[in-house]
């Protein structure tokens, strides 16, 4: 059984008398412990696809199954729970709360999930240790480097032990060396069993993954798998 099953998904928008298609009949299957990169030029549909996979948007037609459940049948409250517990998001702009320290930023998904305080503290410390920031837990984002802020964002994505880590251009605001450190962290997470879906427009970054799906004009242009990752081949 696949973790993700996208079947003939179309996403369209009505703009007056004109219909704009962001996705056209896209089908995709993703298993557990996958490392998938989604590529495509601006307007190709990759952000729309990731919003649907991340339960931030719904398709106009077609079906999306997560753990063999039809996502389109979920209520808004159920979708919120899925986003909180099944999917960890890592964004290009970090999306951290500026007045809260690293601990509080990572803790937030656990608060929403109703996890008791003692268990929250244990899991936050564990997540920060996982990304090498246990000694920075009381630092605010303004006191951290760009790479450290992205590591906090990764820890926040991991703290609820999600089925999927969805990373949208996670190195876009980082210099090359710091970006490589974040990508090495994703490599380690995948080796430890995490499913990762990475959205990027950079070929070199995509080649860290074990599979590359390329979109163009809302359709899948190509879908290539590399058992060991193309960079290692």
C-alpha atoms as a PDB file:
ATOM      1  CA  UNK A   1       0.000   0.000   0.000  1.00  0.00           C
ATOM      2  CA  UNK A   2       1.326   3.435  -0.965  1.00  0.00           C
ATOM      3  CA  UNK A   3       1.527   6.254   1.531  1.00  0.00           C
ATOM      4  CA  UNK A   4       0.269   8.738  -1.090  1.00  0.00           C
ATOM      5  CA  UNK A   5      -1.972   7.980  -4.072  1.00  0.00           C
ATOM      6  CA  UNK A   6      -2.847  10.866  -6.383  1.00  0.00           C
ATOM      7  CA  UNK A   7      -5.193   9.735  -9.150  1.00  0.00           C
ATOM      8  CA  UNK A   8      -6.100  11.924 -12.156  1.00  0.00           C
ATOM      9  CA  UNK A   9      -6.048  15.163 -10.163  1.00  0.00           C
ATOM     10  CA  UNK A  10      -7.028  18.341 -11.948  1.00  0.00           C
ATOM     11  CA  UNK A  11      -6.996  21.802 -10.405  1.00  0.00           C
ATOM     12  CA  UNK A  12      -8.679  24.627 -12.267  1.00  0.00           C
ATOM     13  CA  UNK A  13      -9.588  28.215 -11.490  1.00  0.00           C
ATOM     14  CA  UNK A  14     -12.379  30.222 -13.066  1.00  0.00           C
ATOM     15  CA  UNK A  15     -11.127  33.675 -14.045  1.00  0.00           C
ATOM     16  CA  UNK A  16     -14.216  35.394 -15.406  1.00  0.00           C
ATOM     17  CA  UNK A  17     -15.045  33.640 -18.669  1.00  0.00           C
ATOM     18  CA  UNK A  18     -11.646  31.949 -18.763  1.00  0.00           C
ATOM     19  CA  UNK A  19     -10.675  28.650 -17.103  1.00  0.00           C
ATOM     20  CA  UNK A  20      -7.065  28.359 -15.912  1.00  0.00           C
ATOM     21  CA  UNK A  21      -5.654  24.874 -15.324  1.00  0.00           C
ATOM     22  CA  UNK A  22      -2.918  24.561 -12.691  1.00  0.00           C
ATOM     23  CA  UNK A  23      -2.908  20.743 -12.871  1.00  0.00           C
ATOM     24  CA  UNK A  24      -4.252  18.422 -15.540  1.00  0.00           C
ATOM     25  CA  UNK A  25      -4.963  14.746 -14.789  1.00  0.00           C
ATOM     26  CA  UNK A  26      -1.898  14.180 -12.599  1.00  0.00           C
ATOM     27  CA  UNK A  27      -1.395  10.695 -11.125  1.00  0.00           C
ATOM     28  CA  UNK A  28       1.352   9.903  -8.640  1.00  0.00           C
ATOM     29  CA  UNK A  29       2.104   7.151  -6.126  1.00  0.00           C
ATOM     30  CA  UNK A  30       4.581   7.618  -3.267  1.00  0.00           C
ATOM     31  CA  UNK A  31       5.582   4.830  -0.897  1.00  0.00           C
ATOM     32  CA  UNK A  32       6.917   5.046   2.641  1.00  0.00           C
ATOM     33  CA  UNK A  33      10.586   5.995   3.074  1.00  0.00           C
ATOM     34  CA  UNK A  34      10.594   7.678  -0.343  1.00  0.00           C
ATOM     35  CA  UNK A  35      12.803  10.641  -1.205  1.00  0.00           C
ATOM     36  CA  UNK A  36      11.080  12.479  -4.035  1.00  0.00           C
ATOM     37  CA  UNK A  37      11.997  15.755  -5.723  1.00  0.00           C
ATOM     38  CA  UNK A  38       9.374  17.709  -7.669  1.00  0.00           C
ATOM     39  CA  UNK A  39      10.769  20.018 -10.339  1.00  0.00           C
ATOM     40  CA  UNK A  40       9.361  22.349 -12.957  1.00  0.00           C
ATOM     41  CA  UNK A  41       9.511  25.943 -14.179  1.00  0.00           C
ATOM     42  CA  UNK A  42       7.328  28.677 -12.726  1.00  0.00           C
ATOM     43  CA  UNK A  43       3.695  27.957 -13.555  1.00  0.00           C
ATOM     44  CA  UNK A  44       4.300  24.231 -14.030  1.00  0.00           C
ATOM     45  CA  UNK A  45       1.968  23.282 -11.168  1.00  0.00           C
ATOM     46  CA  UNK A  46       4.481  22.055  -8.610  1.00  0.00           C
ATOM     47  CA  UNK A  47       3.318  24.404  -5.842  1.00  0.00           C
ATOM     48  CA  UNK A  48      -0.318  23.518  -6.534  1.00  0.00           C
ATOM     49  CA  UNK A  49       0.495  19.803  -6.369  1.00  0.00           C
ATOM     50  CA  UNK A  50       2.337  20.255  -3.093  1.00  0.00           C
ATOM     51  CA  UNK A  51      -0.518  22.279  -1.616  1.00  0.00           C
ATOM     52  CA  UNK A  52      -2.877  19.416  -2.429  1.00  0.00           C
ATOM     53  CA  UNK A  53      -0.507  16.752  -1.066  1.00  0.00           C
ATOM     54  CA  UNK A  54      -0.063  18.897   2.044  1.00  0.00           C
ATOM     55  CA  UNK A  55      -3.850  19.174   2.498  1.00  0.00           C
ATOM     56  CA  UNK A  56      -3.694  22.955   2.103  1.00  0.00           C
ATOM     57  CA  UNK A  57      -5.898  22.838  -0.994  1.00  0.00           C
ATOM     58  CA  UNK A  58      -8.389  20.480  -2.630  1.00  0.00           C
ATOM     59  CA  UNK A  59      -8.406  19.306  -6.254  1.00  0.00           C
ATOM     60  CA  UNK A  60     -11.193  20.282  -8.636  1.00  0.00           C
ATOM     61  CA  UNK A  61     -11.480  16.658  -9.719  1.00  0.00           C
ATOM     62  CA  UNK A  62      -9.670  13.390  -9.195  1.00  0.00           C
ATOM     63  CA  UNK A  63      -8.775  11.644  -5.957  1.00  0.00           C
ATOM     64  CA  UNK A  64      -6.071  11.939  -3.295  1.00  0.00           C
ATOM     65  CA  UNK A  65      -5.582   9.091  -0.815  1.00  0.00           C
ATOM     66  CA  UNK A  66      -3.304   9.394   2.215  1.00  0.00           C
ATOM     67  CA  UNK A  67      -2.724   6.096   4.035  1.00  0.00           C
ATOM     68  CA  UNK A  68      -5.558   4.693   1.879  1.00  0.00           C
ATOM     69  CA  UNK A  69      -8.100   7.262   3.078  1.00  0.00           C
ATOM     70  CA  UNK A  70      -9.774   9.612   0.603  1.00  0.00           C
ATOM     71  CA  UNK A  71      -8.655  13.095   1.651  1.00  0.00           C
ATOM     72  CA  UNK A  72     -11.463  14.850  -0.247  1.00  0.00           C
ATOM     73  CA  UNK A  73     -13.939  13.260   2.193  1.00  0.00           C
ATOM     74  CA  UNK A  74     -12.293  14.852   5.245  1.00  0.00           C
ATOM     75  CA  UNK A  75     -13.972  17.699   7.105  1.00  0.00           C
ATOM     76  CA  UNK A  76     -12.018  20.914   7.700  1.00  0.00           C
ATOM     77  CA  UNK A  77     -11.274  19.792  11.280  1.00  0.00           C
ATOM     78  CA  UNK A  78     -10.003  16.427  10.047  1.00  0.00           C
ATOM     79  CA  UNK A  79      -7.798  18.158   7.484  1.00  0.00           C
ATOM     80  CA  UNK A  80      -6.340  20.351  10.230  1.00  0.00           C
ATOM     81  CA  UNK A  81      -5.485  17.224  12.234  1.00  0.00           C
ATOM     82  CA  UNK A  82      -3.866  15.622   9.185  1.00  0.00           C
ATOM     83  CA  UNK A  83      -1.749  18.731   8.570  1.00  0.00           C
ATOM     84  CA  UNK A  84      -0.689  18.794  12.200  1.00  0.00           C
ATOM     85  CA  UNK A  85       0.059  15.094  12.716  1.00  0.00           C
ATOM     86  CA  UNK A  86       0.784  13.503   9.343  1.00  0.00           C
ATOM     87  CA  UNK A  87       2.668  16.226   7.470  1.00  0.00           C
ATOM     88  CA  UNK A  88       5.664  18.276   8.537  1.00  0.00           C
ATOM     89  CA  UNK A  89       6.190  21.471   6.543  1.00  0.00           C
ATOM     90  CA  UNK A  90       9.534  23.154   5.856  1.00  0.00           C
ATOM     91  CA  UNK A  91       9.334  26.453   3.965  1.00  0.00           C
ATOM     92  CA  UNK A  92      11.884  28.633   2.192  1.00  0.00           C
ATOM     93  CA  UNK A  93      11.100  31.547   4.523  1.00  0.00           C
ATOM     94  CA  UNK A  94      11.358  29.460   7.754  1.00  0.00           C
ATOM     95  CA  UNK A  95       7.987  30.793   9.089  1.00  0.00           C
ATOM     96  CA  UNK A  96       9.191  30.999  12.685  1.00  0.00           C
ATOM     97  CA  UNK A  97       7.571  33.154  15.368  1.00  0.00           C
ATOM     98  CA  UNK A  98      10.116  35.966  15.860  1.00  0.00           C
ATOM     99  CA  UNK A  99       9.374  36.629  19.552  1.00  0.00           C
ATOM    100  CA  UNK A 100       9.513  32.969  20.584  1.00  0.00           C
ATOM    101  CA  UNK A 101      12.679  30.993  21.183  1.00  0.00           C
ATOM    102  CA  UNK A 102      13.591  27.811  19.308  1.00  0.00           C
ATOM    103  CA  UNK A 103      11.965  25.623  21.963  1.00  0.00           C
ATOM    104  CA  UNK A 104       8.596  27.404  21.720  1.00  0.00           C
ATOM    105  CA  UNK A 105       8.673  27.398  17.911  1.00  0.00           C
ATOM    106  CA  UNK A 106       9.243  23.655  17.817  1.00  0.00           C
ATOM    107  CA  UNK A 107       6.704  23.043  20.587  1.00  0.00           C
ATOM    108  CA  UNK A 108       3.779  24.725  18.792  1.00  0.00           C
ATOM    109  CA  UNK A 109       2.521  21.699  16.773  1.00  0.00           C
ATOM    110  CA  UNK A 110       2.466  19.653  19.993  1.00  0.00           C
ATOM    111  CA  UNK A 111       0.381  22.321  21.734  1.00  0.00           C
ATOM    112  CA  UNK A 112      -2.167  22.188  18.902  1.00  0.00           C
ATOM    113  CA  UNK A 113      -2.151  18.387  19.119  1.00  0.00           C
ATOM    114  CA  UNK A 114      -2.945  18.477  22.865  1.00  0.00           C
ATOM    115  CA  UNK A 115       0.248  16.733  23.973  1.00  0.00           C
ATOM    116  CA  UNK A 116       0.828  17.042  27.769  1.00  0.00           C
ATOM    117  CA  UNK A 117       3.586  19.492  28.877  1.00  0.00           C
ATOM    118  CA  UNK A 118       6.047  16.877  30.159  1.00  0.00           C
ATOM    119  CA  UNK A 119       5.811  14.888  26.937  1.00  0.00           C
ATOM    120  CA  UNK A 120       6.101  18.115  24.908  1.00  0.00           C
ATOM    121  CA  UNK A 121       9.349  19.042  26.607  1.00  0.00           C
ATOM    122  CA  UNK A 122      10.840  15.601  25.993  1.00  0.00           C
ATOM    123  CA  UNK A 123       9.888  15.552  22.329  1.00  0.00           C
ATOM    124  CA  UNK A 124      11.025  19.127  21.641  1.00  0.00           C
ATOM    125  CA  UNK A 125      14.442  18.427  23.154  1.00  0.00           C
ATOM    126  CA  UNK A 126      14.649  15.220  21.127  1.00  0.00           C
ATOM    127  CA  UNK A 127      13.788  17.058  17.903  1.00  0.00           C
ATOM    128  CA  UNK A 128      16.323  19.833  18.555  1.00  0.00           C
ATOM    129  CA  UNK A 129      19.019  17.260  19.334  1.00  0.00           C
ATOM    130  CA  UNK A 130      18.123  15.525  16.068  1.00  0.00           C
ATOM    131  CA  UNK A 131      19.036  18.681  14.098  1.00  0.00           C
ATOM    132  CA  UNK A 132      22.047  19.578  16.241  1.00  0.00           C
ATOM    133  CA  UNK A 133      20.526  22.544  18.098  1.00  0.00           C
ATOM    134  CA  UNK A 134      19.989  21.245  21.618  1.00  0.00           C
ATOM    135  CA  UNK A 135      22.257  24.012  22.942  1.00  0.00           C
ATOM    136  CA  UNK A 136      20.271  26.739  21.131  1.00  0.00           C
ATOM    137  CA  UNK A 137      16.805  25.965  22.451  1.00  0.00           C
ATOM    138  CA  UNK A 138      16.437  29.335  24.258  1.00  0.00           C
ATOM    139  CA  UNK A 139      17.638  31.467  21.362  1.00  0.00           C
ATOM    140  CA  UNK A 140      15.161  33.518  19.331  1.00  0.00           C
ATOM    141  CA  UNK A 141      15.280  33.443  15.516  1.00  0.00           C
ATOM    142  CA  UNK A 142      17.056  36.827  15.432  1.00  0.00           C
ATOM    143  CA  UNK A 143      19.870  35.235  17.474  1.00  0.00           C
ATOM    144  CA  UNK A 144      20.327  32.356  15.035  1.00  0.00           C
ATOM    145  CA  UNK A 145      21.968  32.106  11.620  1.00  0.00           C
ATOM    146  CA  UNK A 146      19.899  31.333   8.530  1.00  0.00           C
ATOM    147  CA  UNK A 147      20.980  27.702   8.619  1.00  0.00           C
ATOM    148  CA  UNK A 148      20.131  27.402  12.310  1.00  0.00           C
ATOM    149  CA  UNK A 149      16.691  28.923  11.718  1.00  0.00           C
ATOM    150  CA  UNK A 150      16.043  26.380   8.978  1.00  0.00           C
ATOM    151  CA  UNK A 151      17.154  23.612  11.352  1.00  0.00           C
ATOM    152  CA  UNK A 152      14.594  24.871  13.875  1.00  0.00           C
ATOM    153  CA  UNK A 153      11.994  24.701  11.100  1.00  0.00           C
ATOM    154  CA  UNK A 154      13.034  21.115  10.341  1.00  0.00           C
ATOM    155  CA  UNK A 155      12.799  20.214  14.048  1.00  0.00           C
ATOM    156  CA  UNK A 156       9.305  21.716  14.154  1.00  0.00           C
ATOM    157  CA  UNK A 157       8.363  19.647  11.100  1.00  0.00           C
ATOM    158  CA  UNK A 158       9.623  16.470  12.798  1.00  0.00           C
ATOM    159  CA  UNK A 159       8.317  16.954  16.324  1.00  0.00           C
ATOM    160  CA  UNK A 160       4.924  15.338  15.687  1.00  0.00           C
ATOM    161  CA  UNK A 161       6.618  12.374  13.969  1.00  0.00           C
ATOM    162  CA  UNK A 162       4.810  12.946  10.677  1.00  0.00           C
ATOM    163  CA  UNK A 163       4.463  10.433   7.864  1.00  0.00           C
ATOM    164  CA  UNK A 164       5.725  13.019   5.345  1.00  0.00           C
ATOM    165  CA  UNK A 165       8.156  15.930   5.456  1.00  0.00           C
ATOM    166  CA  UNK A 166       7.163  18.375   2.725  1.00  0.00           C
ATOM    167  CA  UNK A 167       9.965  20.841   1.955  1.00  0.00           C
ATOM    168  CA  UNK A 168       9.277  23.759  -0.411  1.00  0.00           C
ATOM    169  CA  UNK A 169      12.540  25.297  -1.689  1.00  0.00           C
ATOM    170  CA  UNK A 170      14.123  24.762   1.780  1.00  0.00           C
ATOM    171  CA  UNK A 171      17.544  26.120   0.766  1.00  0.00           C
ATOM    172  CA  UNK A 172      16.276  29.087  -1.268  1.00  0.00           C
ATOM    173  CA  UNK A 173      17.274  31.695   1.345  1.00  0.00           C
ATOM    174  CA  UNK A 174      20.569  30.059   2.322  1.00  0.00           C
ATOM    175  CA  UNK A 175      24.108  30.335   1.007  1.00  0.00           C
ATOM    176  CA  UNK A 176      25.592  27.313  -0.748  1.00  0.00           C
ATOM    177  CA  UNK A 177      27.476  25.878   2.236  1.00  0.00           C
ATOM    178  CA  UNK A 178      24.552  26.256   4.625  1.00  0.00           C
ATOM    179  CA  UNK A 179      22.173  24.855   2.014  1.00  0.00           C
ATOM    180  CA  UNK A 180      24.397  21.795   1.656  1.00  0.00           C
ATOM    181  CA  UNK A 181      24.221  21.274   5.423  1.00  0.00           C
ATOM    182  CA  UNK A 182      20.410  21.322   5.332  1.00  0.00           C
ATOM    183  CA  UNK A 183      20.365  18.881   2.391  1.00  0.00           C
ATOM    184  CA  UNK A 184      22.759  16.583   4.278  1.00  0.00           C
ATOM    185  CA  UNK A 185      20.281  16.680   7.163  1.00  0.00           C
ATOM    186  CA  UNK A 186      17.489  15.580   4.795  1.00  0.00           C
ATOM    187  CA  UNK A 187      19.754  12.775   3.558  1.00  0.00           C
ATOM    188  CA  UNK A 188      20.177  11.524   7.126  1.00  0.00           C
ATOM    189  CA  UNK A 189      16.450  11.785   7.836  1.00  0.00           C
ATOM    190  CA  UNK A 190      15.708   9.668   4.773  1.00  0.00           C
ATOM    191  CA  UNK A 191      18.305   7.091   5.805  1.00  0.00           C
ATOM    192  CA  UNK A 192      16.482   6.866   9.144  1.00  0.00           C
ATOM    193  CA  UNK A 193      13.188   6.049   7.405  1.00  0.00           C
ATOM    194  CA  UNK A 194      11.558   9.443   6.832  1.00  0.00           C
ATOM    195  CA  UNK A 195       9.504  10.093   3.685  1.00  0.00           C
ATOM    196  CA  UNK A 196      10.614  13.381   2.110  1.00  0.00           C
ATOM    197  CA  UNK A 197       9.051  15.330  -0.754  1.00  0.00           C
ATOM    198  CA  UNK A 198      11.260  18.192  -1.863  1.00  0.00           C
ATOM    199  CA  UNK A 199      10.108  20.982  -4.187  1.00  0.00           C
ATOM    200  CA  UNK A 200      12.947  22.687  -6.042  1.00  0.00           C
ATOM    201  CA  UNK A 201      13.839  24.331  -9.330  1.00  0.00           C
ATOM    202  CA  UNK A 202      17.534  23.431  -8.967  1.00  0.00           C
ATOM    203  CA  UNK A 203      18.789  20.297 -10.707  1.00  0.00           C
ATOM    204  CA  UNK A 204      21.704  19.791  -8.322  1.00  0.00           C
ATOM    205  CA  UNK A 205      19.375  19.770  -5.312  1.00  0.00           C
ATOM    206  CA  UNK A 206      16.853  17.472  -6.983  1.00  0.00           C
ATOM    207  CA  UNK A 207      19.609  14.962  -7.664  1.00  0.00           C
ATOM    208  CA  UNK A 208      19.947  14.328  -3.925  1.00  0.00           C
ATOM    209  CA  UNK A 209      16.595  12.512  -4.131  1.00  0.00           C
ATOM    210  CA  UNK A 210      15.926   8.942  -5.253  1.00  0.00           C
ATOM    211  CA  UNK A 211      13.171   9.981  -7.643  1.00  0.00           C
ATOM    212  CA  UNK A 212      12.549  13.101  -9.711  1.00  0.00           C
ATOM    213  CA  UNK A 213       9.108  14.077 -11.008  1.00  0.00           C
ATOM    214  CA  UNK A 214       9.154  16.910 -13.547  1.00  0.00           C
ATOM    215  CA  UNK A 215       6.054  19.001 -14.213  1.00  0.00           C
ATOM    216  CA  UNK A 216       5.316  21.224 -17.187  1.00  0.00           C
ATOM    217  CA  UNK A 217       2.079  23.048 -17.956  1.00  0.00           C
ATOM    218  CA  UNK A 218       0.257  21.205 -15.175  1.00  0.00           C
ATOM    219  CA  UNK A 219       1.170  17.715 -16.373  1.00  0.00           C
ATOM    220  CA  UNK A 220       3.845  15.203 -15.415  1.00  0.00           C
ATOM    221  CA  UNK A 221       6.532  15.472 -18.083  1.00  0.00           C
ATOM    222  CA  UNK A 222       8.768  12.726 -16.683  1.00  0.00           C
ATOM    223  CA  UNK A 223       9.063  10.476 -13.625  1.00  0.00           C
ATOM    224  CA  UNK A 224      12.460   8.877 -13.018  1.00  0.00           C
ATOM    225  CA  UNK A 225      13.547   6.683 -10.113  1.00  0.00           C
ATOM    226  CA  UNK A 226      17.117   6.143  -8.944  1.00  0.00           C
ATOM    227  CA  UNK A 227      17.361   3.377  -6.281  1.00  0.00           C
ATOM    228  CA  UNK A 228      20.493   4.864  -4.706  1.00  0.00           C
ATOM    229  CA  UNK A 229      19.852   8.478  -5.672  1.00  0.00           C
ATOM    230  CA  UNK A 230      21.260   9.841  -8.960  1.00  0.00           C
ATOM    231  CA  UNK A 231      24.012  11.765  -7.186  1.00  0.00           C
ATOM    232  CA  UNK A 232      25.416   8.495  -5.838  1.00  0.00           C
ATOM    233  CA  UNK A 233      25.064   6.545  -9.081  1.00  0.00           C
END
